[in-house]
C-alpha atoms as a PDB file:
ATOM      1  CA  MET A   1      94.694  93.816 111.650  1.00  0.00           C
ATOM      2  CA  LYS A   2      92.097  91.089 111.971  1.00  0.00           C
ATOM      3  CA  THR A   3      90.179  91.307 108.700  1.00  0.00           C
ATOM      4  CA  ARG A   4      86.926  89.701 107.701  1.00  0.00           C
ATOM      5  CA  ARG A   5      88.885  87.768 105.059  1.00  0.00           C
ATOM      6  CA  THR A   6      91.110  86.260 107.796  1.00  0.00           C
ATOM      7  CA  PHE A   7      88.126  85.401 109.908  1.00  0.00           C
ATOM      8  CA  LEU A   8      86.296  83.769 107.019  1.00  0.00           C
ATOM      9  CA  LYS A   9      89.298  81.573 106.277  1.00  0.00           C
ATOM     10  CA  GLN A  10      89.312  80.423 109.887  1.00  0.00           C
ATOM     11  CA  ALA A  11      85.575  79.864 109.793  1.00  0.00           C
ATOM     12  CA  ALA A  12      85.882  77.735 106.682  1.00  0.00           C
ATOM     13  CA  MET A  13      88.268  75.470 108.573  1.00  0.00           C
ATOM     14  CA  GLY A  14      85.720  74.974 111.312  1.00  0.00           C
ATOM     15  CA  ALA A  15      87.068  77.497 113.765  1.00  0.00           C
ATOM     16  CA  THR A  16      83.748  79.202 114.428  1.00  0.00           C
ATOM     17  CA  ALA A  17      80.999  77.939 116.669  1.00  0.00           C
ATOM     18  CA  ILE A  18      78.241  79.503 118.621  1.00  0.00           C
ATOM     19  CA  SER A  19      79.408  79.124 122.428  1.00  0.00           C
ATOM     20  CA  LEU A  20      57.868  96.320 105.067  1.00  0.00           C
ATOM     21  CA  PRO A  21      57.530  97.371 101.807  1.00  0.00           C
ATOM     22  CA  SER A  22      60.160  96.068  99.465  1.00  0.00           C
ATOM     23  CA  VAL A  23      62.738  97.937  97.478  1.00  0.00           C
ATOM     24  CA  SER A  24      61.639  98.846  93.981  1.00  0.00           C
ATOM     25  CA  ALA A  25      63.861  98.723  90.942  1.00  0.00           C
ATOM     26  CA  PHE A  26      62.905 102.353  90.433  1.00  0.00           C
ATOM     27  CA  GLY A  27      63.514 103.454  94.013  1.00  0.00           C
ATOM     28  CA  ASN A  28      62.633 102.577  97.572  1.00  0.00           C
ATOM     29  CA  PRO A  29      58.972 103.177  98.501  1.00  0.00           C
ATOM     30  CA  LEU A  30      60.168 103.789 102.074  1.00  0.00           C
ATOM     31  CA  LEU A  31      61.714 106.989 100.787  1.00  0.00           C
ATOM     32  CA  LEU A  32      58.527 108.243  99.158  1.00  0.00           C
ATOM     33  CA  ASN A  33      56.134 110.370 101.215  1.00  0.00           C
ATOM     34  CA  SER A  34      57.780 109.112 104.404  1.00  0.00           C
ATOM     35  CA  THR A  35      57.725 111.133 107.586  1.00  0.00           C
ATOM     36  CA  GLU A  36      61.045 112.457 108.764  1.00  0.00           C
ATOM     37  CA  MET A  37      62.717 110.457 111.532  1.00  0.00           C
ATOM     38  CA  LYS A  38      62.826 112.662 114.632  1.00  0.00           C
ATOM     39  CA  GLU A  39      65.229 110.246 116.315  1.00  0.00           C
ATOM     40  CA  PRO A  40      67.517 107.793 114.555  1.00  0.00           C
ATOM     41  CA  LYS A  41      66.556 104.129 114.782  1.00  0.00           C
ATOM     42  CA  ILE A  42      69.785 102.411 115.755  1.00  0.00           C
ATOM     43  CA  SER A  43      70.686  98.737 115.425  1.00  0.00           C
ATOM     44  CA  LEU A  44      73.825  96.786 116.285  1.00  0.00           C
ATOM     45  CA  ALA A  45      75.740  94.772 113.690  1.00  0.00           C
ATOM     46  CA  GLN A  46      77.218  91.620 115.209  1.00  0.00           C
ATOM     47  CA  TRP A  47      80.565  92.237 113.516  1.00  0.00           C
ATOM     48  CA  SER A  48      81.106  95.013 116.057  1.00  0.00           C
ATOM     49  CA  LEU A  49      81.785  92.237 118.580  1.00  0.00           C
ATOM     50  CA  HIS A  50      83.721  89.894 116.323  1.00  0.00           C
ATOM     51  CA  ARG A  51      86.861  89.894 118.451  1.00  0.00           C
ATOM     52  CA  ALA A  52      84.945  89.027 121.610  1.00  0.00           C
ATOM     53  CA  LEU A  53      83.029  86.317 119.745  1.00  0.00           C
ATOM     54  CA  GLU A  54      86.146  84.825 118.179  1.00  0.00           C
ATOM     55  CA  GLU A  55      87.923  84.790 121.539  1.00  0.00           C
ATOM     56  CA  GLY A  56      84.938  83.186 123.262  1.00  0.00           C
ATOM     57  CA  ASN A  57      84.399  86.077 125.651  1.00  0.00           C
ATOM     58  CA  VAL A  58      80.767  86.328 124.577  1.00  0.00           C
ATOM     59  CA  LEU A  59      78.479  83.746 122.980  1.00  0.00           C
ATOM     60  CA  ALA A  60      76.742  84.262 119.654  1.00  0.00           C
ATOM     61  CA  ILE A  61      73.513  82.816 121.009  1.00  0.00           C
ATOM     62  CA  ASP A  62      73.384  85.697 123.519  1.00  0.00           C
ATOM     63  CA  PHE A  63      73.798  88.467 120.955  1.00  0.00           C
ATOM     64  CA  ALA A  64      70.280  89.908 121.235  1.00  0.00           C
ATOM     65  CA  SER A  65      70.374  90.184 125.017  1.00  0.00           C
ATOM     66  CA  ILE A  66      73.905  91.648 124.919  1.00  0.00           C
ATOM     67  CA  SER A  67      72.734  94.314 122.476  1.00  0.00           C
ATOM     68  CA  LYS A  68      69.837  95.331 124.700  1.00  0.00           C
ATOM     69  CA  ASN A  69      71.350  94.923 128.158  1.00  0.00           C
ATOM     70  CA  SER A  70      74.872  96.201 127.473  1.00  0.00           C
ATOM     71  CA  TYR A  71      74.196  98.926 124.898  1.00  0.00           C
ATOM     72  CA  GLY A  72      70.494  99.777 125.087  1.00  0.00           C
ATOM     73  CA  ILE A  73      70.045  98.820 121.417  1.00  0.00           C
ATOM     74  CA  ASP A  74      66.842  96.940 120.587  1.00  0.00           C
ATOM     75  CA  ALA A  75      67.500  95.851 116.983  1.00  0.00           C
ATOM     76  CA  VAL A  76      70.247  93.572 115.672  1.00  0.00           C
ATOM     77  CA  GLU A  77      71.970  92.426 112.491  1.00  0.00           C
ATOM     78  CA  TYR A  78      73.454  88.931 112.624  1.00  0.00           C
ATOM     79  CA  VAL A  79      76.580  87.605 110.842  1.00  0.00           C
ATOM     80  CA  ASN A  80      76.190  84.113 109.407  1.00  0.00           C
ATOM     81  CA  GLN A  81      79.763  83.063 110.158  1.00  0.00           C
ATOM     82  CA  PHE A  82      78.986  82.848 113.872  1.00  0.00           C
ATOM     83  CA  TYR A  83      76.245  80.302 113.194  1.00  0.00           C
ATOM     84  CA  VAL A  84      77.628  78.019 110.483  1.00  0.00           C
ATOM     85  CA  ASP A  85      77.058  74.876 112.541  1.00  0.00           C
ATOM     86  CA  HIS A  86      73.365  75.715 112.902  1.00  0.00           C
ATOM     87  CA  ALA A  87      72.572  77.086 109.457  1.00  0.00           C
ATOM     88  CA  THR A  88      69.836  74.544 108.661  1.00  0.00           C
ATOM     89  CA  ASP A  89      68.704  73.882 112.251  1.00  0.00           C
ATOM     90  CA  GLU A  90      65.177  75.277 112.456  1.00  0.00           C
ATOM     91  CA  GLY A  91      64.959  74.492 116.153  1.00  0.00           C
ATOM     92  CA  PHE A  92      68.034  76.613 116.813  1.00  0.00           C
ATOM     93  CA  TRP A  93      66.627  79.563 114.883  1.00  0.00           C
ATOM     94  CA  ASN A  94      63.317  79.294 116.703  1.00  0.00           C
ATOM     95  CA  THR A  95      65.274  79.426 119.959  1.00  0.00           C
ATOM     96  CA  MET A  96      67.121  82.496 118.707  1.00  0.00           C
ATOM     97  CA  LYS A  97      63.795  84.077 117.793  1.00  0.00           C
ATOM     98  CA  GLU A  98      62.461  83.429 121.300  1.00  0.00           C
ATOM     99  CA  ARG A  99      65.604  84.848 122.900  1.00  0.00           C
ATOM    100  CA  ALA A 100      65.355  88.025 120.860  1.00  0.00           C
ATOM    101  CA  HIS A 101      61.657  88.356 121.656  1.00  0.00           C
ATOM    102  CA  ASP A 102      62.244  87.816 125.369  1.00  0.00           C
ATOM    103  CA  SER A 103      64.939  90.511 125.295  1.00  0.00           C
ATOM    104  CA  GLY A 104      62.672  92.971 123.496  1.00  0.00           C
ATOM    105  CA  VAL A 105      64.944  92.964 120.454  1.00  0.00           C
ATOM    106  CA  LYS A 106      63.990  93.082 116.775  1.00  0.00           C
ATOM    107  CA  SER A 107      65.946  90.909 114.313  1.00  0.00           C
ATOM    108  CA  LEU A 108      66.583  92.849 111.104  1.00  0.00           C
ATOM    109  CA  LEU A 109      68.855  90.867 108.809  1.00  0.00           C
ATOM    110  CA  ILE A 110      71.606  88.280 108.452  1.00  0.00           C
ATOM    111  CA  MET A 111      74.893  89.310 106.839  1.00  0.00           C
ATOM    112  CA  VAL A 112      75.971  86.399 104.640  1.00  0.00           C
ATOM    113  CA  ASP A 113      79.594  85.791 103.648  1.00  0.00           C
ATOM    114  CA  ASN A 114      81.600  82.895 102.259  1.00  0.00           C
ATOM    115  CA  GLU A 115      78.812  81.158 100.320  1.00  0.00           C
ATOM    116  CA  GLY A 116      80.255  81.459  96.832  1.00  0.00           C
ATOM    117  CA  ASP A 117      80.352  84.164  94.171  1.00  0.00           C
ATOM    118  CA  LEU A 118      76.924  85.253  92.992  1.00  0.00           C
ATOM    119  CA  GLY A 119      78.678  86.734  89.952  1.00  0.00           C
ATOM    120  CA  ASN A 120      80.657  83.606  89.079  1.00  0.00           C
ATOM    121  CA  PRO A 121      80.967  83.462  85.267  1.00  0.00           C
ATOM    122  CA  LYS A 122      80.526  79.659  85.372  1.00  0.00           C
ATOM    123  CA  GLU A 123      76.813  78.947  85.376  1.00  0.00           C
ATOM    124  CA  ASP A 124      76.959  75.769  87.478  1.00  0.00           C
ATOM    125  CA  GLU A 125      79.107  77.398  90.172  1.00  0.00           C
ATOM    126  CA  ARG A 126      76.964  80.520  90.150  1.00  0.00           C
ATOM    127  CA  LYS A 127      73.840  78.356  90.585  1.00  0.00           C
ATOM    128  CA  LYS A 128      75.488  76.589  93.517  1.00  0.00           C
ATOM    129  CA  ALA A 129      76.360  79.936  95.114  1.00  0.00           C
ATOM    130  CA  VAL A 130      72.758  81.089  94.745  1.00  0.00           C
ATOM    131  CA  GLU A 131      71.473  77.890  96.341  1.00  0.00           C
ATOM    132  CA  ASN A 132      74.027  78.162  99.161  1.00  0.00           C
ATOM    133  CA  HIS A 133      72.224  81.324 100.268  1.00  0.00           C
ATOM    134  CA  TYR A 134      68.808  79.665 100.539  1.00  0.00           C
ATOM    135  CA  LYS A 135      69.412  78.360 104.054  1.00  0.00           C
ATOM    136  CA  TRP A 136      70.146  81.867 105.297  1.00  0.00           C
ATOM    137  CA  ILE A 137      66.941  83.155 103.727  1.00  0.00           C
ATOM    138  CA  HIS A 138      65.091  80.434 105.637  1.00  0.00           C
ATOM    139  CA  ALA A 139      66.882  81.348 108.879  1.00  0.00           C
ATOM    140  CA  ALA A 140      66.110  85.034 108.331  1.00  0.00           C
ATOM    141  CA  LYS A 141      62.453  84.239 107.830  1.00  0.00           C
ATOM    142  CA  ILE A 142      62.255  82.264 111.073  1.00  0.00           C
ATOM    143  CA  LEU A 143      63.953  85.089 112.971  1.00  0.00           C
ATOM    144  CA  GLY A 144      61.517  87.627 111.543  1.00  0.00           C
ATOM    145  CA  CYS A 145      64.172  89.519 109.593  1.00  0.00           C
ATOM    146  CA  HIS A 146      63.334  91.557 106.510  1.00  0.00           C
ATOM    147  CA  SER A 147      66.545  90.765 104.581  1.00  0.00           C
ATOM    148  CA  ILE A 148      69.803  88.985 104.099  1.00  0.00           C
ATOM    149  CA  ARG A 149      72.911  90.928 103.094  1.00  0.00           C
ATOM    150  CA  VAL A 150      75.041  89.381 100.355  1.00  0.00           C
ATOM    151  CA  ASN A 151      78.298  90.012  98.514  1.00  0.00           C
ATOM    152  CA  ALA A 152      78.186  90.596  94.757  1.00  0.00           C
ATOM    153  CA  PHE A 153      81.617  89.167  93.993  1.00  0.00           C
ATOM    154  CA  GLY A 154      82.904  87.373  90.904  1.00  0.00           C
ATOM    155  CA  GLN A 155      86.107  87.151  88.877  1.00  0.00           C
ATOM    156  CA  GLY A 156      86.536  89.311  85.801  1.00  0.00           C
ATOM    157  CA  THR A 157      86.249  92.854  84.548  1.00  0.00           C
ATOM    158  CA  LYS A 158      83.143  94.905  85.196  1.00  0.00           C
ATOM    159  CA  THR A 159      82.035  94.261  81.641  1.00  0.00           C
ATOM    160  CA  GLU A 160      82.571  90.525  82.034  1.00  0.00           C
ATOM    161  CA  LEU A 161      80.797  90.433  85.391  1.00  0.00           C
ATOM    162  CA  LYS A 162      77.694  92.357  84.434  1.00  0.00           C
ATOM    163  CA  GLN A 163      75.600  89.506  83.024  1.00  0.00           C
ATOM    164  CA  PRO A 164      76.701  86.906  85.623  1.00  0.00           C
ATOM    165  CA  LEU A 165      75.789  89.353  88.396  1.00  0.00           C
ATOM    166  CA  ILE A 166      72.420  90.106  86.835  1.00  0.00           C
ATOM    167  CA  SER A 167      71.805  86.371  86.583  1.00  0.00           C
ATOM    168  CA  GLY A 168      72.997  85.399  90.074  1.00  0.00           C
ATOM    169  CA  LEU A 169      71.507  88.304  91.984  1.00  0.00           C
ATOM    170  CA  GLY A 170      68.325  88.061  89.967  1.00  0.00           C
ATOM    171  CA  ALA A 171      67.907  84.359  90.727  1.00  0.00           C
ATOM    172  CA  LEU A 172      68.496  84.868  94.445  1.00  0.00           C
ATOM    173  CA  ALA A 173      66.104  87.828  94.552  1.00  0.00           C
ATOM    174  CA  GLU A 174      63.434  85.648  92.919  1.00  0.00           C
ATOM    175  CA  TYR A 175      63.881  83.067  95.650  1.00  0.00           C
ATOM    176  CA  GLY A 176      63.864  85.769  98.316  1.00  0.00           C
ATOM    177  CA  ALA A 177      60.606  87.120  96.920  1.00  0.00           C
ATOM    178  CA  MET A 178      58.957  83.732  97.437  1.00  0.00           C
ATOM    179  CA  GLU A 179      59.930  83.899 101.116  1.00  0.00           C
ATOM    180  CA  ASN A 180      59.290  87.656 101.434  1.00  0.00           C
ATOM    181  CA  ILE A 181      62.968  88.239 102.285  1.00  0.00           C
ATOM    182  CA  ASN A 182      64.948  90.998 100.591  1.00  0.00           C
ATOM    183  CA  VAL A 183      68.431  90.460  99.172  1.00  0.00           C
ATOM    184  CA  LEU A 184      70.678  93.428  99.927  1.00  0.00           C
ATOM    185  CA  ILE A 185      73.986  94.271  98.264  1.00  0.00           C
ATOM    186  CA  GLU A 186      76.640  95.877 100.433  1.00  0.00           C
ATOM    187  CA  ASN A 187      79.583  97.846  99.088  1.00  0.00           C
ATOM    188  CA  HIS A 188      82.337  95.417 100.027  1.00  0.00           C
ATOM    189  CA  GLY A 189      85.258  96.371  97.851  1.00  0.00           C
ATOM    190  CA  LEU A 190      86.317  96.052  94.209  1.00  0.00           C
ATOM    191  CA  HIS A 191      83.420  96.569  91.764  1.00  0.00           C
ATOM    192  CA  THR A 192      80.828  96.283  94.574  1.00  0.00           C
ATOM    193  CA  SER A 193      82.046  99.654  95.860  1.00  0.00           C
ATOM    194  CA  ASP A 194      81.324 101.330  92.524  1.00  0.00           C
ATOM    195  CA  GLY A 195      77.945 102.824  93.355  1.00  0.00           C
ATOM    196  CA  LYS A 196      76.847 103.582  89.828  1.00  0.00           C
ATOM    197  CA  TYR A 197      77.905 100.187  88.513  1.00  0.00           C
ATOM    198  CA  MET A 198      76.027  98.298  91.232  1.00  0.00           C
ATOM    199  CA  THR A 199      72.855 100.364  90.957  1.00  0.00           C
ATOM    200  CA  ASP A 200      72.888  99.769  87.208  1.00  0.00           C
ATOM    201  CA  ILE A 201      72.914  96.035  88.029  1.00  0.00           C
ATOM    202  CA  ILE A 202      69.942  96.493  90.369  1.00  0.00           C
ATOM    203  CA  LYS A 203      68.033  98.371  87.691  1.00  0.00           C
ATOM    204  CA  ALA A 204      68.820  95.671  85.145  1.00  0.00           C
ATOM    205  CA  VAL A 205      67.530  92.938  87.461  1.00  0.00           C
ATOM    206  CA  GLY A 206      64.370  94.926  88.081  1.00  0.00           C
ATOM    207  CA  ASN A 207      63.215  92.853  91.059  1.00  0.00           C
ATOM    208  CA  PRO A 208      61.698  94.776  93.992  1.00  0.00           C
ATOM    209  CA  TYR A 209      63.346  92.339  96.420  1.00  0.00           C
ATOM    210  CA  LEU A 210      66.873  93.335  95.379  1.00  0.00           C
ATOM    211  CA  GLY A 211      68.226  96.347  97.254  1.00  0.00           C
ATOM    212  CA  THR A 212      71.229  97.759  99.084  1.00  0.00           C
ATOM    213  CA  LEU A 213      72.844  98.054 102.493  1.00  0.00           C
ATOM    214  CA  PRO A 214      75.196 101.030 102.056  1.00  0.00           C
ATOM    215  CA  ASP A 215      78.202 100.986 104.383  1.00  0.00           C
ATOM    216  CA  PHE A 216      79.861 104.279 105.313  1.00  0.00           C
ATOM    217  CA  GLY A 217      83.339 102.778 105.198  1.00  0.00           C
ATOM    218  CA  ASN A 218      83.763 100.086 102.537  1.00  0.00           C
ATOM    219  CA  TRP A 219      84.529 102.100  99.411  1.00  0.00           C
ATOM    220  CA  CYS A 220      87.963 100.755  98.441  1.00  0.00           C
ATOM    221  CA  LEU A 221      87.913  99.844  94.756  1.00  0.00           C
ATOM    222  CA  ASN A 222      91.065  97.741  94.603  1.00  0.00           C
ATOM    223  CA  LYS A 223      90.668  95.516  97.678  1.00  0.00           C
ATOM    224  CA  GLU A 224      88.105  92.851  98.509  1.00  0.00           C
ATOM    225  CA  TRP A 225      86.003  93.793 101.566  1.00  0.00           C
ATOM    226  CA  GLY A 226      86.683  97.447 100.768  1.00  0.00           C
ATOM    227  CA  SER A 227      87.972  98.707 104.112  1.00  0.00           C
ATOM    228  CA  THR A 228      89.212 102.289 104.217  1.00  0.00           C
ATOM    229  CA  GLN A 229      90.574 101.999 107.751  1.00  0.00           C
ATOM    230  CA  ASN A 230      93.749 104.015 108.407  1.00  0.00           C
ATOM    231  CA  ASN A 231      93.376 105.588 104.936  1.00  0.00           C
ATOM    232  CA  MET A 232      95.417 102.720 103.506  1.00  0.00           C
ATOM    233  CA  CYS A 233      93.370 102.355 100.310  1.00  0.00           C
ATOM    234  CA  ASP A 234      94.740 104.299  97.344  1.00  0.00           C
ATOM    235  CA  GLN A 235      91.690 103.949  95.093  1.00  0.00           C
ATOM    236  CA  VAL A 236      88.497 104.990  96.852  1.00  0.00           C
ATOM    237  CA  TYR A 237      85.037 105.593  95.410  1.00  0.00           C
ATOM    238  CA  ASP A 238      83.752 108.825  96.901  1.00  0.00           C
ATOM    239  CA  ARG A 239      81.826 107.612  99.956  1.00  0.00           C
ATOM    240  CA  TYR A 240      79.350 110.494  99.852  1.00  0.00           C
ATOM    241  CA  GLN A 241      78.536 109.830  96.200  1.00  0.00           C
ATOM    242  CA  GLY A 242      78.342 106.097  96.898  1.00  0.00           C
ATOM    243  CA  LEU A 243      75.857 106.635  99.701  1.00  0.00           C
ATOM    244  CA  THR A 244      73.825 108.859  97.394  1.00  0.00           C
ATOM    245  CA  ASP A 245      73.886 106.128  94.728  1.00  0.00           C
ATOM    246  CA  PHE A 246      72.759 103.391  97.132  1.00  0.00           C
ATOM    247  CA  LEU A 247      70.168 105.190  99.284  1.00  0.00           C
ATOM    248  CA  PRO A 248      67.244 104.959  96.837  1.00  0.00           C
ATOM    249  CA  TYR A 249      67.463 101.152  97.130  1.00  0.00           C
ATOM    250  CA  ALA A 250      68.458 100.923 100.815  1.00  0.00           C
ATOM    251  CA  LYS A 251      66.700  98.735 103.370  1.00  0.00           C
ATOM    252  CA  GLY A 252      69.314  99.544 105.986  1.00  0.00           C
ATOM    253  CA  VAL A 253      72.393 101.699 106.507  1.00  0.00           C
ATOM    254  CA  SER A 254      75.653 100.484 108.023  1.00  0.00           C
ATOM    255  CA  ALA A 255      77.387 103.126 110.130  1.00  0.00           C
ATOM    256  CA  LYS A 256      80.981 101.928 109.973  1.00  0.00           C
ATOM    257  CA  SER A 257      83.437 103.443 112.432  1.00  0.00           C
ATOM    258  CA  TYR A 258      87.153 103.002 113.064  1.00  0.00           C
ATOM    259  CA  HIS A 259      88.615 105.700 115.305  1.00  0.00           C
ATOM    260  CA  PHE A 260      87.440 108.797 117.198  1.00  0.00           C
ATOM    261  CA  ASP A 261      89.098 112.089 118.099  1.00  0.00           C
ATOM    262  CA  VAL A 262      88.888 113.723 121.528  1.00  0.00           C
ATOM    263  CA  ALA A 263      85.598 115.386 120.539  1.00  0.00           C
ATOM    264  CA  GLY A 264      84.047 112.017 119.685  1.00  0.00           C
ATOM    265  CA  ASN A 265      84.084 112.493 115.906  1.00  0.00           C
ATOM    266  CA  GLU A 266      85.050 109.721 113.506  1.00  0.00           C
ATOM    267  CA  THR A 267      88.469 110.630 112.119  1.00  0.00           C
ATOM    268  CA  ILE A 268      88.046 109.390 108.525  1.00  0.00           C
ATOM    269  CA  MET A 269      84.341 109.847 107.818  1.00  0.00           C
ATOM    270  CA  ASP A 270      82.301 113.032 108.118  1.00  0.00           C
ATOM    271  CA  TYR A 271      79.272 111.706 109.982  1.00  0.00           C
ATOM    272  CA  SER A 272      77.448 115.017 109.689  1.00  0.00           C
ATOM    273  CA  ARG A 273      77.668 114.891 105.919  1.00  0.00           C
ATOM    274  CA  LEU A 274      76.810 111.185 105.736  1.00  0.00           C
ATOM    275  CA  LEU A 275      73.846 111.325 108.107  1.00  0.00           C
ATOM    276  CA  GLN A 276      72.548 114.487 106.426  1.00  0.00           C
ATOM    277  CA  LYS A 277      72.336 112.507 103.198  1.00  0.00           C
ATOM    278  CA  VAL A 278      70.484 109.716 105.006  1.00  0.00           C
ATOM    279  CA  LYS A 279      68.046 112.170 106.538  1.00  0.00           C
ATOM    280  CA  ASP A 280      67.530 114.155 103.339  1.00  0.00           C
ATOM    281  CA  SER A 281      66.729 110.971 101.431  1.00  0.00           C
ATOM    282  CA  GLY A 282      63.744 110.295 103.665  1.00  0.00           C
ATOM    283  CA  PHE A 283      65.152 106.925 104.714  1.00  0.00           C
ATOM    284  CA  ASP A 284      63.317 105.712 107.796  1.00  0.00           C
ATOM    285  CA  GLY A 285      64.931 102.345 108.421  1.00  0.00           C
ATOM    286  CA  TYR A 286      67.608 101.379 110.920  1.00  0.00           C
ATOM    287  CA  ILE A 287      71.138 102.734 111.039  1.00  0.00           C
ATOM    288  CA  GLY A 288      73.359  99.842 112.094  1.00  0.00           C
ATOM    289  CA  ILE A 289      76.478 100.370 114.204  1.00  0.00           C
ATOM    290  CA  GLU A 290      79.439  98.442 112.779  1.00  0.00           C
ATOM    291  CA  PHE A 291      82.524  99.333 114.782  1.00  0.00           C
ATOM    292  CA  GLU A 292      85.698  97.922 113.247  1.00  0.00           C
ATOM    293  CA  GLY A 293      88.436  99.901 114.972  1.00  0.00           C
ATOM    294  CA  GLU A 294      91.439  98.606 116.891  1.00  0.00           C
ATOM    295  CA  THR A 295      92.648 101.485 119.058  1.00  0.00           C
ATOM    296  CA  ILE A 296      89.819 101.149 121.591  1.00  0.00           C
ATOM    297  CA  SER A 297      87.808  98.196 122.838  1.00  0.00           C
ATOM    298  CA  GLU A 298      84.718  96.954 121.046  1.00  0.00           C
ATOM    299  CA  PRO A 299      82.350  98.095 123.835  1.00  0.00           C
ATOM    300  CA  GLU A 300      83.946 101.560 123.784  1.00  0.00           C
ATOM    301  CA  GLY A 301      83.689 101.697 119.987  1.00  0.00           C
ATOM    302  CA  ILE A 302      80.036 100.679 119.965  1.00  0.00           C
ATOM    303  CA  ARG A 303      79.137 103.270 122.583  1.00  0.00           C
ATOM    304  CA  ALA A 304      81.174 105.976 120.838  1.00  0.00           C
ATOM    305  CA  THR A 305      79.453 105.283 117.507  1.00  0.00           C
ATOM    306  CA  LYS A 306      76.010 105.325 119.114  1.00  0.00           C
ATOM    307  CA  ALA A 307      76.758 108.608 120.860  1.00  0.00           C
ATOM    308  CA  LEU A 308      78.062 110.143 117.635  1.00  0.00           C
ATOM    309  CA  ILE A 309      74.987 109.130 115.619  1.00  0.00           C
ATOM    310  CA  GLU A 310      72.637 110.522 118.267  1.00  0.00           C
ATOM    311  CA  LYS A 311      74.622 113.754 118.663  1.00  0.00           C
ATOM    312  CA  VAL A 312      74.933 114.432 114.947  1.00  0.00           C
ATOM    313  CA  TRP A 313      71.287 113.596 114.208  1.00  0.00           C
ATOM    314  CA  LYS A 314      70.126 116.284 116.630  1.00  0.00           C
ATOM    315  CA  GLU A 315      72.311 118.835 114.850  1.00  0.00           C
ATOM    316  CA  LEU A 316      71.112 118.044 111.309  1.00  0.00           C
ATOM    317  CA  GLU A 317      68.986 120.504 109.389  1.00  0.00           C
END
C-alpha cells in the first residue's frame, strides 16, 4: 500500500514536483445558531488523486480545474507536498489563485506535512517546526484559503507531549491569527487520534485560530498517520466519539473512504452515523472527499464517495 509516510519520504528526496468566523476555544461559532445545511457542501482533497499526481498522469497546477471539470466539485483542499518547489513563490500562488478563480473553484485550505514536529520537546527544534509552517500560511492567504491543516506530532508520552504541543500549536496559531489563517489539527494517528486529549490541548491553548479537521478514517492510536484501512489497526479510538470530540472546533470535515460494497456503502465506516453527527452539530462548512482506497481507481473512488455523501445526506433526519 502506498502510504502518506512513503510518499513524504520520496518528497523529501526531491521526488515531487508540480508538472469566516474563527474557531473559539470554547466551541465553533459556526455551530451556534447556524441554519441547517439542506445540501452538503462538498470539496475535494488533493490526496484523493495522489497516485495520478505521483505518476505524472495529472499536474498539480491543474487541480482546481480537474476538480470542477471532472467531478463537478467547486471547492478544493491542497496538499503541500505537491508544491514543495514553489512554497515561497508568490507569483506561483497568484497564478494558482487565478486558475482556481477562472475555474469557478474556491480554495479552502492547504494540508501541511513533513515540516517538523510542532510538539517537539526540544524548544529550538519546535521553534523551527513552527517557522517552517509560515510559508504555507502565506501561500494559503494568497490562495484565499481559510486554514492550513497541520500534524500535532512529537516524541514522548502524552504527559510529556502536553506542554510542547501547547507551546508549538499555540505559537503557530498566534502567527496564523496575524494573517487571519486558521491552524487545524487533523487526527493523524498516535496521540493525535485521541479526541479528548487533543481537544484538551486546544482548550489549553485558548486561541480562536486553533481548530480541527476531523477525518472519518484516521483513528488508529498506535500508528502514525492513523489509517484504519482494511481494519488492520488493533487499537482504534472510536471514530464516532472522535468526531463528536472534534466537531465543536471543526472548520472542515474530511470524508475518508477506502472501499465500497455493491450498494455503494463504505465497508468500514457507517456514513449515515457519521454524517448524522455532522448534521446534528450544526456544522455548515465543507465536507472534503479524501478517497484512499486501492481496489478501484481514484476517479471511481471520488465519484463513489460523492454519491454516498449526497445519498446519505438526503436520508438523514
